[in-house]
């Protein structure tokens, strides 16, 4: 079959299903004890990382993801939310050295989130 044929297409899930599931997954991630550094955008001055926006070209944080979900700015499917959660964690691991606690927090949250995705028919269709 052709690459874009229905036989290879991912199942279409209604936004009425995926938005609440994404919101619940995000809530679980945000409640994780190591999630607090990722709740708000990085402030290069307040967080003492003046080169952050030079290193990280696409900043993202959980608060922004929550606002985008609440404002229905994610329109195409759960993969957009999954992508932004992973981007948040990737940014932290890219910017913070391996011996920095924030790097370790991002790794732990990544493993936690991978478990949530694996356990969800809706979120796992987004990969």
Foldseek 3Di string as FASTA:
>chain_A
DDCPDPVNDQDDDDCVPQLVLLLVLLVVLCPPPLQVVQQDWDDCVVVVNVCLCVQQVDTAGSVVLNVCSVVVVPPDFNLVSVVRLLSNLVSQCRPDDPVDVSVVSSVVSVVVSVVSQVPDPRNVSND
